[in-house]
Structures are given as structure tokens and as C-alpha cells.
């Protein structure tokens, strides 16, 4: 290990590089937190309505996919995200975040 040079910060850590990559590819944006909260909220509502853990998560999957389809037709891809690749990254990340949060909360 080399000692840090004066003025060098910790932005070269693997975690910082990963987060910067996620932001630059469109995976993380201001709406990610809303998807996280929606995944948890939908799962808890399903639980309160008596659904099994599996169906609580499936509610999130179904509503999340329906929402992304709705966004595709209303917002478009390149118009909102700039490229199809950024749209795909963002859509995938949104679904992973909300489904992952729902699955975690239902464990």
C-alpha cells in the first residue's frame, strides 16, 4: 500500500466507483428512493390484507412491472433517459430495488 498523497480523497474506493458507475449509467436517480419506499409500502399493505410472504412480494413484482410499462408508454425511453441503454439500466435498477426491498422486509 502506498501512503495517500496530499489532497487525495477516498473517491477511488471500490464502493465509490460502483456508485459513480450506477449514477453515470442511469441506474440510480432521485426516483430510486421512491421505488424503494413503494416496494416496502406495497408489500406491507399486502401483508395487512392477509397475503402470504410470497404474494406480498409478488404484488410488488406485478405492480412494479406494470408501472415500468406505464412509464415506457408515457415517458418514452430516449426522451427521458437519453439512450435506450440508460433506460434499460434504470428500469432494471428500479425493479431490483423495489423487489429486493419487499423481499428483505418480508423475510
PDB file of N, CA and C in Angstrom:
ATOM      1  N   UNK A   1       0.835  -1.187   0.000  1.00  0.00           N
ATOM      2  CA  UNK A   1       0.000   0.000   0.000  1.00  0.00           C
ATOM      3  C   UNK A   1       0.879   1.249   0.000  1.00  0.00           C
ATOM      4  N   UNK A   2       0.504   2.154  -0.827  1.00  0.00           N
ATOM      5  CA  UNK A   2       1.208   3.422  -0.865  1.00  0.00           C
ATOM      6  C   UNK A   2       0.479   4.413   0.021  1.00  0.00           C
ATOM      7  N   UNK A   3       1.203   5.207   0.754  1.00  0.00           N
ATOM      8  CA  UNK A   3       0.505   6.229   1.548  1.00  0.00           C
ATOM      9  C   UNK A   3      -0.190   7.218   0.623  1.00  0.00           C
ATOM     10  N   UNK A   4      -1.296   7.726   1.091  1.00  0.00           N
ATOM     11  CA  UNK A   4      -2.044   8.696   0.285  1.00  0.00           C
ATOM     12  C   UNK A   4      -1.228   9.961   0.090  1.00  0.00           C
ATOM     13  N   UNK A   5      -1.327  10.473  -1.115  1.00  0.00           N
ATOM     14  CA  UNK A   5      -0.668  11.735  -1.397  1.00  0.00           C
ATOM     15  C   UNK A   5      -1.548  12.866  -0.896  1.00  0.00           C
ATOM     16  N   UNK A   6      -0.932  13.974  -0.644  1.00  0.00           N
ATOM     17  CA  UNK A   6      -1.669  15.127  -0.122  1.00  0.00           C
ATOM     18  C   UNK A   6      -2.771  15.519  -1.099  1.00  0.00           C
ATOM     19  N   UNK A   7      -3.994  15.683  -0.589  1.00  0.00           N
ATOM     20  CA  UNK A   7      -5.135  16.101  -1.397  1.00  0.00           C
ATOM     21  C   UNK A   7      -5.911  14.942  -2.014  1.00  0.00           C
ATOM     22  N   UNK A   8      -5.385  13.730  -1.950  1.00  0.00           N
ATOM     23  CA  UNK A   8      -6.091  12.581  -2.499  1.00  0.00           C
ATOM     24  C   UNK A   8      -7.246  12.224  -1.565  1.00  0.00           C
ATOM     25  N   UNK A   9      -8.411  11.974  -2.124  1.00  0.00           N
ATOM     26  CA  UNK A   9      -9.561  11.631  -1.282  1.00  0.00           C
ATOM     27  C   UNK A   9      -9.917  10.157  -1.430  1.00  0.00           C
ATOM     28  N   UNK A  10     -10.988   9.743  -0.790  1.00  0.00           N
ATOM     29  CA  UNK A  10     -11.395   8.343  -0.790  1.00  0.00           C
ATOM     30  C   UNK A  10     -12.336   8.001  -1.944  1.00  0.00           C
ATOM     31  N   UNK A  11     -12.439   8.857  -2.938  1.00  0.00           N
ATOM     32  CA  UNK A  11     -13.361   8.610  -4.043  1.00  0.00           C
ATOM     33  C   UNK A  11     -12.882   7.511  -4.976  1.00  0.00           C
ATOM     34  N   UNK A  12     -11.728   6.943  -4.715  1.00  0.00           N
ATOM     35  CA  UNK A  12     -11.227   5.851  -5.542  1.00  0.00           C
ATOM     36  C   UNK A  12     -11.529   4.490  -4.927  1.00  0.00           C
ATOM     37  N   UNK A  13     -12.313   4.453  -3.857  1.00  0.00           N
ATOM     38  CA  UNK A  13     -12.647   3.185  -3.225  1.00  0.00           C
ATOM     39  C   UNK A  13     -13.563   2.390  -4.157  1.00  0.00           C
ATOM     40  N   UNK A  14     -13.582   1.067  -4.041  1.00  0.00           N
ATOM     41  CA  UNK A  14     -14.454   0.245  -4.897  1.00  0.00           C
ATOM     42  C   UNK A  14     -15.933   0.614  -4.769  1.00  0.00           C
ATOM     43  N   UNK A  15     -16.373   0.931  -3.567  1.00  0.00           N
ATOM     44  CA  UNK A  15     -17.782   1.293  -3.377  1.00  0.00           C
ATOM     45  C   UNK A  15     -18.097   2.611  -4.083  1.00  0.00           C
ATOM     46  N   UNK A  16     -17.214   3.586  -3.945  1.00  0.00           N
ATOM     47  CA  UNK A  16     -17.424   4.875  -4.612  1.00  0.00           C
ATOM     48  C   UNK A  16     -17.442   4.704  -6.129  1.00  0.00           C
ATOM     49  N   UNK A  17     -16.556   3.879  -6.652  1.00  0.00           N
ATOM     50  CA  UNK A  17     -16.530   3.630  -8.095  1.00  0.00           C
ATOM     51  C   UNK A  17     -17.820   2.958  -8.545  1.00  0.00           C
ATOM     52  N   UNK A  18     -18.313   2.006  -7.753  1.00  0.00           N
ATOM     53  CA  UNK A  18     -19.557   1.311  -8.084  1.00  0.00           C
ATOM     54  C   UNK A  18     -20.739   2.275  -8.097  1.00  0.00           C
ATOM     55  N   UNK A  19     -20.842   3.116  -7.084  1.00  0.00           N
ATOM     56  CA  UNK A  19     -21.937   4.083  -7.012  1.00  0.00           C
ATOM     57  C   UNK A  19     -21.837   5.082  -8.164  1.00  0.00           C
ATOM     58  N   UNK A  20     -20.638   5.577  -8.450  1.00  0.00           N
ATOM     59  CA  UNK A  20     -20.457   6.508  -9.571  1.00  0.00           C
ATOM     60  C   UNK A  20     -20.862   5.858 -10.890  1.00  0.00           C
ATOM     61  N   UNK A  21     -20.525   4.567 -11.053  1.00  0.00           N
ATOM     62  CA  UNK A  21     -20.924   3.846 -12.263  1.00  0.00           C
ATOM     63  C   UNK A  21     -22.445   3.739 -12.338  1.00  0.00           C
ATOM     64  N   UNK A  22     -23.101   3.453 -11.210  1.00  0.00           N
ATOM     65  CA  UNK A  22     -24.556   3.356 -11.205  1.00  0.00           C
ATOM     66  C   UNK A  22     -25.207   4.684 -11.564  1.00  0.00           C
ATOM     67  N   UNK A  23     -24.675   5.767 -11.040  1.00  0.00           N
ATOM     68  CA  UNK A  23     -25.236   7.088 -11.339  1.00  0.00           C
ATOM     69  C   UNK A  23     -25.005   7.428 -12.804  1.00  0.00           C
ATOM     70  N   UNK A  24     -23.806   7.191 -13.314  1.00  0.00           N
ATOM     71  CA  UNK A  24     -23.487   7.563 -14.693  1.00  0.00           C
ATOM     72  C   UNK A  24     -24.254   6.736 -15.719  1.00  0.00           C
ATOM     73  N   UNK A  25     -24.639   5.511 -15.373  1.00  0.00           N
ATOM     74  CA  UNK A  25     -25.402   4.678 -16.305  1.00  0.00           C
ATOM     75  C   UNK A  25     -26.908   4.867 -16.154  1.00  0.00           C
ATOM     76  N   UNK A  26     -27.327   5.683 -15.230  1.00  0.00           N
ATOM     77  CA  UNK A  26     -28.751   5.961 -15.063  1.00  0.00           C
ATOM     78  C   UNK A  26     -29.460   5.012 -14.120  1.00  0.00           C
ATOM     79  N   UNK A  27     -28.715   4.163 -13.425  1.00  0.00           N
ATOM     80  CA  UNK A  27     -29.356   3.205 -12.524  1.00  0.00           C
ATOM     81  C   UNK A  27     -29.882   3.866 -11.262  1.00  0.00           C
ATOM     82  N   UNK A  28     -29.148   4.798 -10.748  1.00  0.00           N
ATOM     83  CA  UNK A  28     -29.565   5.496  -9.533  1.00  0.00           C
ATOM     84  C   UNK A  28     -29.920   6.931  -9.884  1.00  0.00           C
ATOM     85  N   UNK A  29     -31.097   7.333  -9.460  1.00  0.00           N
ATOM     86  CA  UNK A  29     -31.511   8.721  -9.629  1.00  0.00           C
ATOM     87  C   UNK A  29     -32.418   9.087  -8.456  1.00  0.00           C
ATOM     88  N   UNK A  30     -33.010  10.241  -8.519  1.00  0.00           N
ATOM     89  CA  UNK A  30     -33.836  10.730  -7.423  1.00  0.00           C
ATOM     90  C   UNK A  30     -35.033   9.814  -7.173  1.00  0.00           C
ATOM     91  N   UNK A  31     -35.481   9.110  -8.204  1.00  0.00           N
ATOM     92  CA  UNK A  31     -36.666   8.267  -8.080  1.00  0.00           C
ATOM     93  C   UNK A  31     -36.378   6.915  -7.444  1.00  0.00           C
ATOM     94  N   UNK A  32     -35.112   6.560  -7.301  1.00  0.00           N
ATOM     95  CA  UNK A  32     -34.759   5.275  -6.696  1.00  0.00           C
ATOM     96  C   UNK A  32     -35.322   5.153  -5.287  1.00  0.00           C
ATOM     97  N   UNK A  33     -35.261   6.230  -4.529  1.00  0.00           N
ATOM     98  CA  UNK A  33     -35.785   6.184  -3.150  1.00  0.00           C
ATOM     99  C   UNK A  33     -37.294   5.965  -3.144  1.00  0.00           C
ATOM    100  N   UNK A  34     -37.993   6.507  -4.136  1.00  0.00           N
ATOM    101  CA  UNK A  34     -39.433   6.292  -4.221  1.00  0.00           C
ATOM    102  C   UNK A  34     -39.744   4.833  -4.540  1.00  0.00           C
ATOM    103  N   UNK A  35     -38.951   4.215  -5.400  1.00  0.00           N
ATOM    104  CA  UNK A  35     -39.145   2.804  -5.723  1.00  0.00           C
ATOM    105  C   UNK A  35     -38.865   1.934  -4.499  1.00  0.00           C
ATOM    106  N   UNK A  36     -37.862   2.298  -3.739  1.00  0.00           N
ATOM    107  CA  UNK A  36     -37.547   1.576  -2.506  1.00  0.00           C
ATOM    108  C   UNK A  36     -38.730   1.646  -1.542  1.00  0.00           C
ATOM    109  N   UNK A  37     -39.232   2.853  -1.319  1.00  0.00           N
ATOM    110  CA  UNK A  37     -40.366   3.045  -0.406  1.00  0.00           C
ATOM    111  C   UNK A  37     -41.628   2.357  -0.929  1.00  0.00           C
ATOM    112  N   UNK A  38     -41.853   2.419  -2.231  1.00  0.00           N
ATOM    113  CA  UNK A  38     -43.037   1.777  -2.808  1.00  0.00           C
ATOM    114  C   UNK A  38     -42.978   0.267  -2.637  1.00  0.00           C
ATOM    115  N   UNK A  39     -41.810  -0.318  -2.846  1.00  0.00           N
ATOM    116  CA  UNK A  39     -41.671  -1.762  -2.668  1.00  0.00           C
ATOM    117  C   UNK A  39     -42.023  -2.190  -1.258  1.00  0.00           C
ATOM    118  N   UNK A  40     -41.513  -1.464  -0.284  1.00  0.00           N
ATOM    119  CA  UNK A  40     -41.812  -1.781   1.119  1.00  0.00           C
ATOM    120  C   UNK A  40     -43.283  -1.509   1.427  1.00  0.00           C
ATOM    121  N   UNK A  41     -43.781  -0.365   0.986  1.00  0.00           N
ATOM    122  CA  UNK A  41     -45.166   0.011   1.265  1.00  0.00           C
ATOM    123  C   UNK A  41     -46.175  -0.957   0.673  1.00  0.00           C
ATOM    124  N   UNK A  42     -45.973  -1.335  -0.588  1.00  0.00           N
ATOM    125  CA  UNK A  42     -46.891  -2.264  -1.240  1.00  0.00           C
ATOM    126  C   UNK A  42     -46.862  -3.623  -0.541  1.00  0.00           C
ATOM    127  N   UNK A  43     -45.663  -4.094  -0.207  1.00  0.00           N
ATOM    128  CA  UNK A  43     -45.550  -5.389   0.486  1.00  0.00           C
ATOM    129  C   UNK A  43     -46.257  -5.353   1.839  1.00  0.00           C
ATOM    130  N   UNK A  44     -46.105  -4.271   2.576  1.00  0.00           N
ATOM    131  CA  UNK A  44     -46.753  -4.179   3.893  1.00  0.00           C
ATOM    132  C   UNK A  44     -48.274  -4.076   3.762  1.00  0.00           C
ATOM    133  N   UNK A  45     -48.761  -3.370   2.769  1.00  0.00           N
ATOM    134  CA  UNK A  45     -50.206  -3.296   2.552  1.00  0.00           C
ATOM    135  C   UNK A  45     -50.747  -4.689   2.232  1.00  0.00           C
ATOM    136  N   UNK A  46     -50.039  -5.414   1.363  1.00  0.00           N
ATOM    137  CA  UNK A  46     -50.459  -6.781   1.038  1.00  0.00           C
ATOM    138  C   UNK A  46     -50.451  -7.663   2.283  1.00  0.00           C
ATOM    139  N   UNK A  47     -49.449  -7.482   3.140  1.00  0.00           N
ATOM    140  CA  UNK A  47     -49.379  -8.256   4.381  1.00  0.00           C
ATOM    141  C   UNK A  47     -50.562  -7.931   5.291  1.00  0.00           C
ATOM    142  N   UNK A  48     -50.879  -6.644   5.424  1.00  0.00           N
ATOM    143  CA  UNK A  48     -52.001  -6.232   6.268  1.00  0.00           C
ATOM    144  C   UNK A  48     -53.325  -6.798   5.741  1.00  0.00           C
ATOM    145  N   UNK A  49     -53.368  -7.044   4.422  1.00  0.00           N
ATOM    146  CA  UNK A  49     -54.574  -7.601   3.817  1.00  0.00           C
ATOM    147  C   UNK A  49     -54.582  -9.129   3.870  1.00  0.00           C
ATOM    148  N   UNK A  50     -53.615  -9.704   4.581  1.00  0.00           N
ATOM    149  CA  UNK A  50     -53.624 -11.141   4.831  1.00  0.00           C
ATOM    150  C   UNK A  50     -52.898 -12.005   3.816  1.00  0.00           C
ATOM    151  N   UNK A  51     -52.105 -11.414   2.930  1.00  0.00           N
ATOM    152  CA  UNK A  51     -51.386 -12.188   1.926  1.00  0.00           C
ATOM    153  C   UNK A  51     -50.180 -12.900   2.539  1.00  0.00           C
ATOM    154  N   UNK A  52     -49.776 -14.016   1.925  1.00  0.00           N
ATOM    155  CA  UNK A  52     -48.568 -14.724   2.362  1.00  0.00           C
ATOM    156  C   UNK A  52     -47.345 -13.890   1.970  1.00  0.00           C
ATOM    157  N   UNK A  53     -46.192 -14.230   2.536  1.00  0.00           N
ATOM    158  CA  UNK A  53     -44.963 -13.506   2.201  1.00  0.00           C
ATOM    159  C   UNK A  53     -44.692 -13.540   0.700  1.00  0.00           C
ATOM    160  N   UNK A  54     -44.908 -14.704   0.092  1.00  0.00           N
ATOM    161  CA  UNK A  54     -44.702 -14.840  -1.351  1.00  0.00           C
ATOM    162  C   UNK A  54     -45.573 -13.853  -2.114  1.00  0.00           C
ATOM    163  N   UNK A  55     -46.855 -13.793  -1.782  1.00  0.00           N
ATOM    164  CA  UNK A  55     -47.760 -12.915  -2.522  1.00  0.00           C
ATOM    165  C   UNK A  55     -47.526 -11.441  -2.208  1.00  0.00           C
ATOM    166  N   UNK A  56     -47.012 -11.154  -1.038  1.00  0.00           N
ATOM    167  CA  UNK A  56     -46.644  -9.757  -0.747  1.00  0.00           C
ATOM    168  C   UNK A  56     -45.574  -9.288  -1.720  1.00  0.00           C
ATOM    169  N   UNK A  57     -44.580 -10.134  -1.949  1.00  0.00           N
ATOM    170  CA  UNK A  57     -43.511  -9.785  -2.892  1.00  0.00           C
ATOM    171  C   UNK A  57     -44.041  -9.803  -4.324  1.00  0.00           C
ATOM    172  N   UNK A  58     -44.903 -10.752  -4.634  1.00  0.00           N
ATOM    173  CA  UNK A  58     -45.461 -10.813  -5.991  1.00  0.00           C
ATOM    174  C   UNK A  58     -46.309  -9.588  -6.318  1.00  0.00           C
ATOM    175  N   UNK A  59     -46.997  -9.036  -5.338  1.00  0.00           N
ATOM    176  CA  UNK A  59     -47.722  -7.780  -5.558  1.00  0.00           C
ATOM    177  C   UNK A  59     -46.751  -6.715  -6.045  1.00  0.00           C
ATOM    178  N   UNK A  60     -45.589  -6.652  -5.404  1.00  0.00           N
ATOM    179  CA  UNK A  60     -44.575  -5.660  -5.780  1.00  0.00           C
ATOM    180  C   UNK A  60     -44.067  -5.942  -7.192  1.00  0.00           C
ATOM    181  N   UNK A  61     -43.835  -7.207  -7.519  1.00  0.00           N
ATOM    182  CA  UNK A  61     -43.372  -7.562  -8.860  1.00  0.00           C
ATOM    183  C   UNK A  61     -44.402  -7.129  -9.903  1.00  0.00           C
ATOM    184  N   UNK A  62     -45.647  -7.494  -9.679  1.00  0.00           N
ATOM    185  CA  UNK A  62     -46.709  -7.197 -10.648  1.00  0.00           C
ATOM    186  C   UNK A  62     -46.908  -5.690 -10.797  1.00  0.00           C
ATOM    187  N   UNK A  63     -47.029  -4.994  -9.688  1.00  0.00           N
ATOM    188  CA  UNK A  63     -47.242  -3.536  -9.751  1.00  0.00           C
ATOM    189  C   UNK A  63     -46.004  -2.837 -10.304  1.00  0.00           C
ATOM    190  N   UNK A  64     -44.814  -3.314  -9.920  1.00  0.00           N
ATOM    191  CA  UNK A  64     -43.570  -2.706 -10.417  1.00  0.00           C
ATOM    192  C   UNK A  64     -43.414  -2.848 -11.917  1.00  0.00           C
ATOM    193  N   UNK A  65     -43.673  -4.039 -12.445  1.00  0.00           N
ATOM    194  CA  UNK A  65     -43.580  -4.261 -13.898  1.00  0.00           C
ATOM    195  C   UNK A  65     -44.652  -3.441 -14.614  1.00  0.00           C
ATOM    196  N   UNK A  66     -45.865  -3.422 -14.077  1.00  0.00           N
ATOM    197  CA  UNK A  66     -46.936  -2.619 -14.684  1.00  0.00           C
ATOM    198  C   UNK A  66     -46.548  -1.144 -14.714  1.00  0.00           C
ATOM    199  N   UNK A  67     -45.936  -0.664 -13.630  1.00  0.00           N
ATOM    200  CA  UNK A  67     -45.516   0.732 -13.568  1.00  0.00           C
ATOM    201  C   UNK A  67     -44.451   1.033 -14.624  1.00  0.00           C
ATOM    202  N   UNK A  68     -43.494   0.147 -14.766  1.00  0.00           N
ATOM    203  CA  UNK A  68     -42.429   0.373 -15.754  1.00  0.00           C
ATOM    204  C   UNK A  68     -42.986   0.361 -17.175  1.00  0.00           C
ATOM    205  N   UNK A  69     -43.972  -0.490 -17.440  1.00  0.00           N
ATOM    206  CA  UNK A  69     -44.631  -0.490 -18.757  1.00  0.00           C
ATOM    207  C   UNK A  69     -45.364   0.825 -18.966  1.00  0.00           C
ATOM    208  N   UNK A  70     -46.068   1.291 -17.928  1.00  0.00           N
ATOM    209  CA  UNK A  70     -46.754   2.577 -17.990  1.00  0.00           C
ATOM    210  C   UNK A  70     -45.754   3.702 -18.274  1.00  0.00           C
ATOM    211  N   UNK A  71     -44.632   3.708 -17.551  1.00  0.00           N
ATOM    212  CA  UNK A  71     -43.605   4.733 -17.779  1.00  0.00           C
ATOM    213  C   UNK A  71     -43.086   4.697 -19.208  1.00  0.00           C
ATOM    214  N   UNK A  72     -42.899   3.500 -19.736  1.00  0.00           N
ATOM    215  CA  UNK A  72     -42.385   3.349 -21.101  1.00  0.00           C
ATOM    216  C   UNK A  72     -43.301   4.052 -22.095  1.00  0.00           C
ATOM    217  N   UNK A  73     -44.614   3.848 -21.948  1.00  0.00           N
ATOM    218  CA  UNK A  73     -45.556   4.445 -22.897  1.00  0.00           C
ATOM    219  C   UNK A  73     -45.792   5.928 -22.640  1.00  0.00           C
ATOM    220  N   UNK A  74     -45.718   6.356 -21.389  1.00  0.00           N
ATOM    221  CA  UNK A  74     -45.987   7.761 -21.073  1.00  0.00           C
ATOM    222  C   UNK A  74     -44.741   8.633 -21.256  1.00  0.00           C
ATOM    223  N   UNK A  75     -43.603   8.180 -20.714  1.00  0.00           N
ATOM    224  CA  UNK A  75     -42.391   8.990 -20.757  1.00  0.00           C
ATOM    225  C   UNK A  75     -41.498   8.692 -21.956  1.00  0.00           C
ATOM    226  N   UNK A  76     -41.567   7.507 -22.466  1.00  0.00           N
ATOM    227  CA  UNK A  76     -40.664   7.100 -23.532  1.00  0.00           C
ATOM    228  C   UNK A  76     -39.325   6.690 -22.958  1.00  0.00           C
ATOM    229  N   UNK A  77     -38.416   6.319 -23.842  1.00  0.00           N
ATOM    230  CA  UNK A  77     -37.092   5.889 -23.388  1.00  0.00           C
ATOM    231  C   UNK A  77     -36.071   6.995 -23.580  1.00  0.00           C
ATOM    232  N   UNK A  78     -35.778   7.259 -24.823  1.00  0.00           N
ATOM    233  CA  UNK A  78     -34.706   8.204 -25.134  1.00  0.00           C
ATOM    234  C   UNK A  78     -35.074   9.636 -24.768  1.00  0.00           C
ATOM    235  N   UNK A  79     -36.379   9.942 -24.775  1.00  0.00           N
ATOM    236  CA  UNK A  79     -36.804  11.293 -24.434  1.00  0.00           C
ATOM    237  C   UNK A  79     -36.466  11.620 -22.987  1.00  0.00           C
ATOM    238  N   UNK A  80     -36.626  10.665 -22.101  1.00  0.00           N
ATOM    239  CA  UNK A  80     -36.411  10.895 -20.673  1.00  0.00           C
ATOM    240  C   UNK A  80     -34.994  10.558 -20.241  1.00  0.00           C
ATOM    241  N   UNK A  81     -34.472   9.438 -20.724  1.00  0.00           N
ATOM    242  CA  UNK A  81     -33.192   8.934 -20.221  1.00  0.00           C
ATOM    243  C   UNK A  81     -32.013   9.216 -21.140  1.00  0.00           C
ATOM    244  N   UNK A  82     -32.267   9.648 -22.346  1.00  0.00           N
ATOM    245  CA  UNK A  82     -31.187   9.970 -23.273  1.00  0.00           C
ATOM    246  C   UNK A  82     -30.824   8.833 -24.201  1.00  0.00           C
ATOM    247  N   UNK A  83     -30.730   7.622 -23.677  1.00  0.00           N
ATOM    248  CA  UNK A  83     -30.412   6.456 -24.503  1.00  0.00           C
ATOM    249  C   UNK A  83     -31.235   5.262 -24.037  1.00  0.00           C
ATOM    250  N   UNK A  84     -31.374   4.286 -24.933  1.00  0.00           N
ATOM    251  CA  UNK A  84     -32.076   3.051 -24.570  1.00  0.00           C
ATOM    252  C   UNK A  84     -31.312   2.311 -23.472  1.00  0.00           C
ATOM    253  N   UNK A  85     -29.995   2.386 -23.520  1.00  0.00           N
ATOM    254  CA  UNK A  85     -29.177   1.692 -22.527  1.00  0.00           C
ATOM    255  C   UNK A  85     -29.421   2.263 -21.129  1.00  0.00           C
ATOM    256  N   UNK A  86     -29.469   3.615 -21.005  1.00  0.00           N
ATOM    257  CA  UNK A  86     -29.743   4.223 -19.697  1.00  0.00           C
ATOM    258  C   UNK A  86     -31.153   3.895 -19.230  1.00  0.00           C
ATOM    259  N   UNK A  87     -32.098   3.868 -20.155  1.00  0.00           N
ATOM    260  CA  UNK A  87     -33.471   3.488 -19.798  1.00  0.00           C
ATOM    261  C   UNK A  87     -33.501   2.066 -19.265  1.00  0.00           C
ATOM    262  N   UNK A  88     -32.818   1.146 -19.953  1.00  0.00           N
ATOM    263  CA  UNK A  88     -32.802  -0.254 -19.530  1.00  0.00           C
ATOM    264  C   UNK A  88     -32.140  -0.403 -18.160  1.00  0.00           C
ATOM    265  N   UNK A  89     -31.014   0.272 -17.957  1.00  0.00           N
ATOM    266  CA  UNK A  89     -30.348   0.235 -16.652  1.00  0.00           C
ATOM    267  C   UNK A  89     -31.270   0.758 -15.563  1.00  0.00           C
ATOM    268  N   UNK A  90     -31.934   1.884 -15.827  1.00  0.00           N
ATOM    269  CA  UNK A  90     -32.806   2.496 -14.829  1.00  0.00           C
ATOM    270  C   UNK A  90     -33.996   1.599 -14.516  1.00  0.00           C
ATOM    271  N   UNK A  91     -34.608   1.033 -15.532  1.00  0.00           N
ATOM    272  CA  UNK A  91     -35.753   0.144 -15.330  1.00  0.00           C
ATOM    273  C   UNK A  91     -35.347  -1.082 -14.522  1.00  0.00           C
ATOM    274  N   UNK A  92     -34.233  -1.684 -14.896  1.00  0.00           N
ATOM    275  CA  UNK A  92     -33.747  -2.852 -14.164  1.00  0.00           C
ATOM    276  C   UNK A  92     -33.431  -2.517 -12.719  1.00  0.00           C
ATOM    277  N   UNK A  93     -32.766  -1.396 -12.499  1.00  0.00           N
ATOM    278  CA  UNK A  93     -32.419  -0.991 -11.136  1.00  0.00           C
ATOM    279  C   UNK A  93     -33.669  -0.696 -10.311  1.00  0.00           C
ATOM    280  N   UNK A  94     -34.661  -0.029 -10.915  1.00  0.00           N
ATOM    281  CA  UNK A  94     -35.908   0.251 -10.200  1.00  0.00           C
ATOM    282  C   UNK A  94     -36.567  -1.041  -9.730  1.00  0.00           C
ATOM    283  N   UNK A  95     -36.641  -2.018 -10.615  1.00  0.00           N
ATOM    284  CA  UNK A  95     -37.280  -3.289 -10.257  1.00  0.00           C
ATOM    285  C   UNK A  95     -36.472  -4.042  -9.205  1.00  0.00           C
ATOM    286  N   UNK A  96     -35.162  -4.056  -9.345  1.00  0.00           N
ATOM    287  CA  UNK A  96     -34.318  -4.744  -8.361  1.00  0.00           C
ATOM    288  C   UNK A  96     -34.463  -4.104  -6.990  1.00  0.00           C
ATOM    289  N   UNK A  97     -34.472  -2.773  -6.944  1.00  0.00           N
ATOM    290  CA  UNK A  97     -34.573  -2.062  -5.670  1.00  0.00           C
ATOM    291  C   UNK A  97     -35.915  -2.347  -4.992  1.00  0.00           C
ATOM    292  N   UNK A  98     -37.001  -2.204  -5.723  1.00  0.00           N
ATOM    293  CA  UNK A  98     -38.309  -2.369  -5.079  1.00  0.00           C
ATOM    294  C   UNK A  98     -38.600  -3.825  -4.727  1.00  0.00           C
ATOM    295  N   UNK A  99     -38.241  -4.750  -5.602  1.00  0.00           N
ATOM    296  CA  UNK A  99     -38.473  -6.165  -5.310  1.00  0.00           C
ATOM    297  C   UNK A  99     -37.541  -6.634  -4.197  1.00  0.00           C
ATOM    298  N   UNK A 100     -36.296  -6.197  -4.250  1.00  0.00           N
ATOM    299  CA  UNK A 100     -35.336  -6.556  -3.199  1.00  0.00           C
ATOM    300  C   UNK A 100     -35.758  -6.038  -1.838  1.00  0.00           C
ATOM    301  N   UNK A 101     -36.235  -4.799  -1.786  1.00  0.00           N
ATOM    302  CA  UNK A 101     -36.692  -4.235  -0.520  1.00  0.00           C
ATOM    303  C   UNK A 101     -37.905  -4.991   0.016  1.00  0.00           C
ATOM    304  N   UNK A 102     -38.819  -5.339  -0.882  1.00  0.00           N
ATOM    305  CA  UNK A 102     -40.008  -6.086  -0.457  1.00  0.00           C
ATOM    306  C   UNK A 102     -39.620  -7.470   0.068  1.00  0.00           C
ATOM    307  N   UNK A 103     -38.729  -8.135  -0.652  1.00  0.00           N
ATOM    308  CA  UNK A 103     -38.312  -9.471  -0.211  1.00  0.00           C
ATOM    309  C   UNK A 103     -37.597  -9.387   1.124  1.00  0.00           C
ATOM    310  N   UNK A 104     -36.738  -8.382   1.281  1.00  0.00           N
ATOM    311  CA  UNK A 104     -35.996  -8.223   2.538  1.00  0.00           C
ATOM    312  C   UNK A 104     -36.946  -7.970   3.719  1.00  0.00           C
ATOM    313  N   UNK A 105     -37.925  -7.124   3.516  1.00  0.00           N
ATOM    314  CA  UNK A 105     -38.833  -6.750   4.605  1.00  0.00           C
ATOM    315  C   UNK A 105     -39.763  -7.922   4.968  1.00  0.00           C
ATOM    316  N   UNK A 106     -39.989  -8.828   4.017  1.00  0.00           N
ATOM    317  CA  UNK A 106     -40.898  -9.950   4.275  1.00  0.00           C
ATOM    318  C   UNK A 106     -40.175 -11.172   4.837  1.00  0.00           C
ATOM    319  N   UNK A 107     -38.847 -11.146   4.888  1.00  0.00           N
ATOM    320  CA  UNK A 107     -38.093 -12.297   5.422  1.00  0.00           C
ATOM    321  C   UNK A 107     -38.403 -12.478   6.883  1.00  0.00           C
TER     322      UNK A 107
END
